[in-house]
Structures are given as C-alpha cells and as structure tokens.
C-alpha cells in the first residue's frame, strides 16, 4: 500500500540581477540545485536528465526519502527552463518551469512546480501524512527561493 501526495506550488519574485545572469544560474541544473536545501546528491544522467536524491526527512518514526528524475530543457530566447518527469525512477514525479523576464533594472522570475510523491504507508495515514509532506515541500522550496534571491543580490 502507498499514499500519493500531490503538491502544486507557484511563486513570483523580482531580483536585482540581469535576466542573462538569472537564466545562466537557473538553466545550469547543478548550480541551481546547489541552492535547494536537503539535496543529498544530484546525478547527471545525460541528455538533460538529472536524478535528485534528497536527504531523509521525518517526524517521529515516520521518515521519507524522495528520489526522482526529471529532464530539463532550457530556452534562452524564451527565458524559460522547463522540466518534466522521467517515469520509473524513484518515488516521485516532478515537473515545473522557470520563466525569466528582464525588466529595465531587474528581472521578474516565476516558478511553477508540480509533484506527486508516493509514500509506502497505509491509506489510513493519508490524513496525517499529506499536510506534513506538503508543508515540508513548501518550506524547502521557499528556502530555495530565498537562497536564490540572496544569490541575485536581493529582491526588488
């Protein structure tokens, strides 16, 4: 038995850095991933695919380690980085996108992330586990954004 927890997040922020600098960091998956908390290992599988192996997280006796693979496609002209899940590797499917738009003195950044994490627990645990997983995913993503904002010289 397992529980499927779906998470959908969206963020918009504006940083002081130029769009080309922001794109360079976000399009380089290992560099971008270095700002995400609790990444134990990022494995380059070639052809734009990366396996994310996260540190174990948990509360009490419940521990979860998320592993997933996504394929990344960057488009400098469009100012976008898009990733889609690679089936059959890990316990999660994660997709999303960065949209990067240069302004006169700043860069507007939009992040969209969708994920589905499979947790090997009885369905009776769904009510307890779902909000905990959602909260942890949101907390880590917000820390990631804060780290990126700091890297780009602050928010406008």
C-alpha atoms as a PDB file:
ATOM      1  CA  UNK A   1       0.000   0.000   0.000  1.00  0.00           C
ATOM      2  CA  UNK A   2       1.098   3.535  -0.622  1.00  0.00           C
ATOM      3  CA  UNK A   3      -0.133   7.077  -0.398  1.00  0.00           C
ATOM      4  CA  UNK A   4       0.184   9.508  -3.302  1.00  0.00           C
ATOM      5  CA  UNK A   5       0.690  13.092  -2.157  1.00  0.00           C
ATOM      6  CA  UNK A   6       0.253  15.750  -4.833  1.00  0.00           C
ATOM      7  CA  UNK A   7       1.910  19.124  -4.405  1.00  0.00           C
ATOM      8  CA  UNK A   8       1.489  22.194  -6.586  1.00  0.00           C
ATOM      9  CA  UNK A   9       3.397  25.404  -5.903  1.00  0.00           C
ATOM     10  CA  UNK A  10       3.737  28.733  -7.666  1.00  0.00           C
ATOM     11  CA  UNK A  11       5.902  31.735  -6.837  1.00  0.00           C
ATOM     12  CA  UNK A  12       6.747  35.084  -8.405  1.00  0.00           C
ATOM     13  CA  UNK A  13       9.533  37.393  -7.348  1.00  0.00           C
ATOM     14  CA  UNK A  14      11.745  40.126  -8.756  1.00  0.00           C
ATOM     15  CA  UNK A  15      15.515  40.287  -8.273  1.00  0.00           C
ATOM     16  CA  UNK A  16      18.196  42.910  -8.864  1.00  0.00           C
ATOM     17  CA  UNK A  17      20.286  40.761 -11.239  1.00  0.00           C
ATOM     18  CA  UNK A  18      20.166  40.909 -15.044  1.00  0.00           C
ATOM     19  CA  UNK A  19      17.990  38.347 -16.842  1.00  0.00           C
ATOM     20  CA  UNK A  20      21.020  36.758 -18.530  1.00  0.00           C
ATOM     21  CA  UNK A  21      22.640  36.106 -15.127  1.00  0.00           C
ATOM     22  CA  UNK A  22      19.427  34.681 -13.670  1.00  0.00           C
ATOM     23  CA  UNK A  23      18.945  32.442 -16.704  1.00  0.00           C
ATOM     24  CA  UNK A  24      22.563  31.219 -16.549  1.00  0.00           C
ATOM     25  CA  UNK A  25      22.120  30.070 -12.939  1.00  0.00           C
ATOM     26  CA  UNK A  26      18.658  28.524 -13.343  1.00  0.00           C
ATOM     27  CA  UNK A  27      19.435  26.780 -16.648  1.00  0.00           C
ATOM     28  CA  UNK A  28      22.522  25.119 -15.141  1.00  0.00           C
ATOM     29  CA  UNK A  29      20.795  22.386 -13.127  1.00  0.00           C
ATOM     30  CA  UNK A  30      23.750  21.534 -10.822  1.00  0.00           C
ATOM     31  CA  UNK A  31      24.259  25.228  -9.999  1.00  0.00           C
ATOM     32  CA  UNK A  32      20.549  25.809  -9.435  1.00  0.00           C
ATOM     33  CA  UNK A  33      20.259  22.624  -7.339  1.00  0.00           C
ATOM     34  CA  UNK A  34      23.101  23.790  -5.097  1.00  0.00           C
ATOM     35  CA  UNK A  35      20.700  26.406  -3.693  1.00  0.00           C
ATOM     36  CA  UNK A  36      17.968  23.845  -2.860  1.00  0.00           C
ATOM     37  CA  UNK A  37      18.081  22.571   0.732  1.00  0.00           C
ATOM     38  CA  UNK A  38      18.492  18.915   1.668  1.00  0.00           C
ATOM     39  CA  UNK A  39      19.805  17.676  -1.691  1.00  0.00           C
ATOM     40  CA  UNK A  40      21.959  14.689  -0.807  1.00  0.00           C
ATOM     41  CA  UNK A  41      23.060  14.022  -4.375  1.00  0.00           C
ATOM     42  CA  UNK A  42      22.264  15.246  -7.880  1.00  0.00           C
ATOM     43  CA  UNK A  43      23.160  12.682 -10.551  1.00  0.00           C
ATOM     44  CA  UNK A  44      23.666  13.780 -14.166  1.00  0.00           C
ATOM     45  CA  UNK A  45      22.150  11.000 -16.301  1.00  0.00           C
ATOM     46  CA  UNK A  46      22.921  12.757 -19.596  1.00  0.00           C
ATOM     47  CA  UNK A  47      20.631  14.231 -22.240  1.00  0.00           C
ATOM     48  CA  UNK A  48      19.292  16.863 -19.806  1.00  0.00           C
ATOM     49  CA  UNK A  49      18.119  14.288 -17.229  1.00  0.00           C
ATOM     50  CA  UNK A  50      19.036  14.566 -13.553  1.00  0.00           C
ATOM     51  CA  UNK A  51      18.174  12.308 -10.628  1.00  0.00           C
ATOM     52  CA  UNK A  52      17.540  14.202  -7.409  1.00  0.00           C
ATOM     53  CA  UNK A  53      18.272  12.193  -4.261  1.00  0.00           C
ATOM     54  CA  UNK A  54      17.066  14.109  -1.238  1.00  0.00           C
ATOM     55  CA  UNK A  55      18.085  13.713   2.387  1.00  0.00           C
ATOM     56  CA  UNK A  56      15.699  11.772   4.591  1.00  0.00           C
ATOM     57  CA  UNK A  57      13.125  13.936   6.290  1.00  0.00           C
ATOM     58  CA  UNK A  58      10.829  12.838   9.039  1.00  0.00           C
ATOM     59  CA  UNK A  59       8.829  13.395  12.138  1.00  0.00           C
ATOM     60  CA  UNK A  60       8.951  10.845  14.930  1.00  0.00           C
ATOM     61  CA  UNK A  61       9.160   7.339  13.484  1.00  0.00           C
ATOM     62  CA  UNK A  62       7.998   8.433  10.008  1.00  0.00           C
ATOM     63  CA  UNK A  63      10.879   9.004   7.572  1.00  0.00           C
ATOM     64  CA  UNK A  64      10.755   9.735   3.865  1.00  0.00           C
ATOM     65  CA  UNK A  65      13.491   9.970   1.280  1.00  0.00           C
ATOM     66  CA  UNK A  66      12.403  11.441  -2.024  1.00  0.00           C
ATOM     67  CA  UNK A  67      14.159  10.352  -5.215  1.00  0.00           C
ATOM     68  CA  UNK A  68      13.070  11.438  -8.680  1.00  0.00           C
ATOM     69  CA  UNK A  69      14.389  12.099 -12.164  1.00  0.00           C
ATOM     70  CA  UNK A  70      13.404  14.994 -14.385  1.00  0.00           C
ATOM     71  CA  UNK A  71      14.527  16.031 -17.873  1.00  0.00           C
ATOM     72  CA  UNK A  72      15.360  19.724 -18.341  1.00  0.00           C
ATOM     73  CA  UNK A  73      15.025  21.882 -21.455  1.00  0.00           C
ATOM     74  CA  UNK A  74      16.306  25.462 -21.442  1.00  0.00           C
ATOM     75  CA  UNK A  75      15.439  28.165 -23.959  1.00  0.00           C
ATOM     76  CA  UNK A  76      17.451  31.377 -23.579  1.00  0.00           C
ATOM     77  CA  UNK A  77      15.382  33.315 -26.139  1.00  0.00           C
ATOM     78  CA  UNK A  78      12.119  32.443 -24.400  1.00  0.00           C
ATOM     79  CA  UNK A  79      13.706  32.900 -20.957  1.00  0.00           C
ATOM     80  CA  UNK A  80      12.478  29.527 -19.779  1.00  0.00           C
ATOM     81  CA  UNK A  81      13.661  26.356 -18.134  1.00  0.00           C
ATOM     82  CA  UNK A  82      11.127  23.531 -18.214  1.00  0.00           C
ATOM     83  CA  UNK A  83      11.407  20.110 -16.617  1.00  0.00           C
ATOM     84  CA  UNK A  84       9.275  17.011 -16.944  1.00  0.00           C
ATOM     85  CA  UNK A  85       9.302  13.744 -15.014  1.00  0.00           C
ATOM     86  CA  UNK A  86      11.128  10.644 -16.184  1.00  0.00           C
ATOM     87  CA  UNK A  87       8.912   7.663 -15.383  1.00  0.00           C
ATOM     88  CA  UNK A  88      10.149   4.648 -13.425  1.00  0.00           C
ATOM     89  CA  UNK A  89      12.992   6.191 -11.428  1.00  0.00           C
ATOM     90  CA  UNK A  90      12.356   6.907  -7.767  1.00  0.00           C
ATOM     91  CA  UNK A  91       9.262   7.532  -5.704  1.00  0.00           C
ATOM     92  CA  UNK A  92       8.159  10.876  -7.127  1.00  0.00           C
ATOM     93  CA  UNK A  93       7.231  12.597 -10.375  1.00  0.00           C
ATOM     94  CA  UNK A  94       8.226  16.258 -10.538  1.00  0.00           C
ATOM     95  CA  UNK A  95       7.628  18.792 -13.303  1.00  0.00           C
ATOM     96  CA  UNK A  96       7.791  22.544 -13.465  1.00  0.00           C
ATOM     97  CA  UNK A  97       9.189  25.647 -15.064  1.00  0.00           C
ATOM     98  CA  UNK A  98      11.101  28.838 -14.565  1.00  0.00           C
ATOM     99  CA  UNK A  99      10.032  31.908 -16.542  1.00  0.00           C
ATOM    100  CA  UNK A 100      12.603  34.695 -16.587  1.00  0.00           C
ATOM    101  CA  UNK A 101      11.705  38.160 -17.875  1.00  0.00           C
ATOM    102  CA  UNK A 102      14.149  41.048 -17.900  1.00  0.00           C
ATOM    103  CA  UNK A 103      12.943  44.462 -16.761  1.00  0.00           C
ATOM    104  CA  UNK A 104      14.868  47.760 -17.037  1.00  0.00           C
ATOM    105  CA  UNK A 105      16.692  47.385 -13.716  1.00  0.00           C
ATOM    106  CA  UNK A 106      15.599  43.964 -12.504  1.00  0.00           C
ATOM    107  CA  UNK A 107      14.389  40.513 -13.524  1.00  0.00           C
ATOM    108  CA  UNK A 108      10.934  39.067 -12.891  1.00  0.00           C
ATOM    109  CA  UNK A 109      11.024  35.333 -12.100  1.00  0.00           C
ATOM    110  CA  UNK A 110       8.126  32.879 -11.995  1.00  0.00           C
ATOM    111  CA  UNK A 111       8.447  29.360 -10.611  1.00  0.00           C
ATOM    112  CA  UNK A 112       5.820  26.672 -11.086  1.00  0.00           C
ATOM    113  CA  UNK A 113       6.269  23.173  -9.607  1.00  0.00           C
ATOM    114  CA  UNK A 114       4.013  20.127  -9.644  1.00  0.00           C
ATOM    115  CA  UNK A 115       4.898  16.922  -7.851  1.00  0.00           C
ATOM    116  CA  UNK A 116       3.440  13.601  -6.853  1.00  0.00           C
ATOM    117  CA  UNK A 117       5.243  11.663  -4.152  1.00  0.00           C
ATOM    118  CA  UNK A 118       4.458   8.008  -3.439  1.00  0.00           C
ATOM    119  CA  UNK A 119       4.879   7.054   0.211  1.00  0.00           C
ATOM    120  CA  UNK A 120       4.786   3.399   1.313  1.00  0.00           C
ATOM    121  CA  UNK A 121       2.172   3.744   4.051  1.00  0.00           C
ATOM    122  CA  UNK A 122      -1.378   2.511   4.522  1.00  0.00           C
ATOM    123  CA  UNK A 123      -4.047   4.832   3.129  1.00  0.00           C
ATOM    124  CA  UNK A 124      -5.379   5.381   6.645  1.00  0.00           C
ATOM    125  CA  UNK A 125      -2.267   7.555   7.185  1.00  0.00           C
ATOM    126  CA  UNK A 126      -3.159   9.890   4.278  1.00  0.00           C
ATOM    127  CA  UNK A 127      -4.912  12.448   6.501  1.00  0.00           C
ATOM    128  CA  UNK A 128      -1.870  12.774   8.761  1.00  0.00           C
ATOM    129  CA  UNK A 129       0.935  12.470   6.206  1.00  0.00           C
ATOM    130  CA  UNK A 130      -0.353  14.669   3.358  1.00  0.00           C
ATOM    131  CA  UNK A 131      -0.233  18.011   5.219  1.00  0.00           C
ATOM    132  CA  UNK A 132       3.212  17.192   6.651  1.00  0.00           C
ATOM    133  CA  UNK A 133       4.673  16.365   3.223  1.00  0.00           C
ATOM    134  CA  UNK A 134       3.046  19.434   1.646  1.00  0.00           C
ATOM    135  CA  UNK A 135       4.388  21.704   4.400  1.00  0.00           C
ATOM    136  CA  UNK A 136       7.939  20.301   4.142  1.00  0.00           C
ATOM    137  CA  UNK A 137       7.988  20.612   0.325  1.00  0.00           C
ATOM    138  CA  UNK A 138       6.727  24.191   0.567  1.00  0.00           C
ATOM    139  CA  UNK A 139       9.250  25.079   3.302  1.00  0.00           C
ATOM    140  CA  UNK A 140      12.187  23.709   1.297  1.00  0.00           C
ATOM    141  CA  UNK A 141      11.053  25.455  -1.905  1.00  0.00           C
ATOM    142  CA  UNK A 142      10.673  28.775  -0.085  1.00  0.00           C
ATOM    143  CA  UNK A 143      14.190  28.355   1.361  1.00  0.00           C
ATOM    144  CA  UNK A 144      15.409  27.632  -2.192  1.00  0.00           C
ATOM    145  CA  UNK A 145      13.835  30.879  -3.441  1.00  0.00           C
ATOM    146  CA  UNK A 146      15.313  32.832  -0.518  1.00  0.00           C
ATOM    147  CA  UNK A 147      18.755  31.380  -1.317  1.00  0.00           C
ATOM    148  CA  UNK A 148      18.380  32.347  -4.984  1.00  0.00           C
ATOM    149  CA  UNK A 149      17.191  35.862  -4.112  1.00  0.00           C
ATOM    150  CA  UNK A 150      20.293  36.292  -1.968  1.00  0.00           C
ATOM    151  CA  UNK A 151      22.485  34.969  -4.822  1.00  0.00           C
ATOM    152  CA  UNK A 152      20.918  37.516  -7.194  1.00  0.00           C
ATOM    153  CA  UNK A 153      21.574  40.494  -4.895  1.00  0.00           C
ATOM    154  CA  UNK A 154      18.209  40.732  -3.217  1.00  0.00           C
ATOM    155  CA  UNK A 155      14.614  41.295  -4.096  1.00  0.00           C
ATOM    156  CA  UNK A 156      13.360  44.470  -5.772  1.00  0.00           C
END
